[in-house]
């Protein structure tokens, strides 16, 4: 299996920690973008797991209508030192 430069996690919020754990076990050295709707405490926990695995975390939040909606106006907000790379 190859390696990706960027991994994007968007899904049910309760799956965020499990996804981060799986990615961390792969020892990726890329960027991990977590755009799940989770609390700051949960994001701190995920950040610790991701950093132990060697990746850098970018925190994301999706605001707006679903992409299929006409004139969606959906925005992805990002934070973190490597956010400009996304």
Protein backbone atom coordinates (compact mmCIF):
# COMPACT_ATOMS: atom_id res chain seq x y z
CA UNK A 1 0.00 0.00 0.00
CA UNK A 2 1.34 3.42 -0.94
CA UNK A 3 1.53 6.52 1.20
CA UNK A 4 -0.40 9.73 0.79
CA UNK A 5 0.93 13.24 1.40
CA UNK A 6 -2.42 14.30 2.86
CA UNK A 7 -5.13 12.32 4.63
CA UNK A 8 -8.58 13.86 4.99
CA UNK A 9 -10.91 12.66 7.75
CA UNK A 10 -14.55 13.66 7.37
CA UNK A 11 -17.20 11.39 8.76
CA UNK A 12 -19.41 10.72 11.74
CA UNK A 13 -17.81 12.59 14.67
CA UNK A 14 -17.71 9.52 16.88
CA UNK A 15 -15.41 7.77 14.35
CA UNK A 16 -12.72 10.48 14.48
CA UNK A 17 -10.57 8.91 17.21
CA UNK A 18 -10.64 5.46 15.60
CA UNK A 19 -9.66 6.88 12.20
CA UNK A 20 -6.80 8.84 13.79
CA UNK A 21 -5.56 5.70 15.54
CA UNK A 22 -5.52 3.72 12.28
CA UNK A 23 -3.63 6.50 10.49
CA UNK A 24 -1.16 6.83 13.36
CA UNK A 25 -0.37 3.11 13.19
CA UNK A 26 0.66 3.57 9.53
CA UNK A 27 3.41 5.99 10.60
CA UNK A 28 2.55 8.55 7.95
CA UNK A 29 4.73 11.65 7.80
CA UNK A 30 2.24 13.74 5.85
CA UNK A 31 -0.58 16.06 6.84
CA UNK A 32 -3.69 14.76 8.57
CA UNK A 33 -6.73 17.01 8.08
CA UNK A 34 -9.49 16.31 10.58
CA UNK A 35 -12.67 18.11 9.50
CA UNK A 36 -15.06 16.26 11.79
CA UNK A 37 -17.50 18.18 14.01
CA UNK A 38 -15.82 17.47 17.36
CA UNK A 39 -15.05 19.28 20.59
CA UNK A 40 -11.73 21.04 21.26
CA UNK A 41 -10.89 18.37 23.86
CA UNK A 42 -11.48 15.57 21.35
CA UNK A 43 -9.34 17.43 18.80
CA UNK A 44 -6.50 17.67 21.34
CA UNK A 45 -6.73 13.92 21.90
CA UNK A 46 -6.65 13.25 18.15
CA UNK A 47 -3.72 15.64 17.73
CA UNK A 48 -1.70 13.65 20.27
CA UNK A 49 -2.43 10.37 18.50
CA UNK A 50 -1.61 11.78 15.07
CA UNK A 51 1.61 13.41 16.20
CA UNK A 52 2.79 10.16 17.83
CA UNK A 53 2.37 8.52 14.43
CA UNK A 54 4.52 11.14 12.71
CA UNK A 55 1.89 13.24 10.92
CA UNK A 56 1.13 16.94 11.31
CA UNK A 57 -2.45 17.84 12.20
CA UNK A 58 -4.58 20.45 10.46
CA UNK A 59 -7.91 21.19 12.16
CA UNK A 60 -10.81 21.81 9.81
CA UNK A 61 -14.46 22.74 9.94
CA UNK A 62 -17.02 22.63 7.15
CA UNK A 63 -19.59 25.43 7.22
CA UNK A 64 -22.53 25.78 4.85
CA UNK A 65 -24.97 23.80 2.79
CA UNK A 66 -24.28 20.31 1.44
CA UNK A 67 -22.25 20.39 -1.77
CA UNK A 68 -25.20 19.12 -3.83
CA UNK A 69 -27.34 22.11 -2.80
CA UNK A 70 -27.76 24.82 -5.44
CA UNK A 71 -25.51 27.80 -4.75
CA UNK A 72 -24.00 25.78 -1.90
CA UNK A 73 -21.59 28.38 -0.59
CA UNK A 74 -19.84 25.68 1.45
CA UNK A 75 -16.55 26.71 3.07
CA UNK A 76 -13.76 24.63 4.59
CA UNK A 77 -12.06 26.54 7.43
CA UNK A 78 -8.57 25.36 8.39
CA UNK A 79 -6.14 26.03 11.23
CA UNK A 80 -2.67 24.86 12.08
CA UNK A 81 0.87 25.53 10.89
CA UNK A 82 0.46 23.43 7.74
CA UNK A 83 -3.05 24.67 6.86
CA UNK A 84 -1.78 26.75 3.90
CA UNK A 85 -0.63 23.51 2.23
CA UNK A 86 -4.21 22.26 2.09
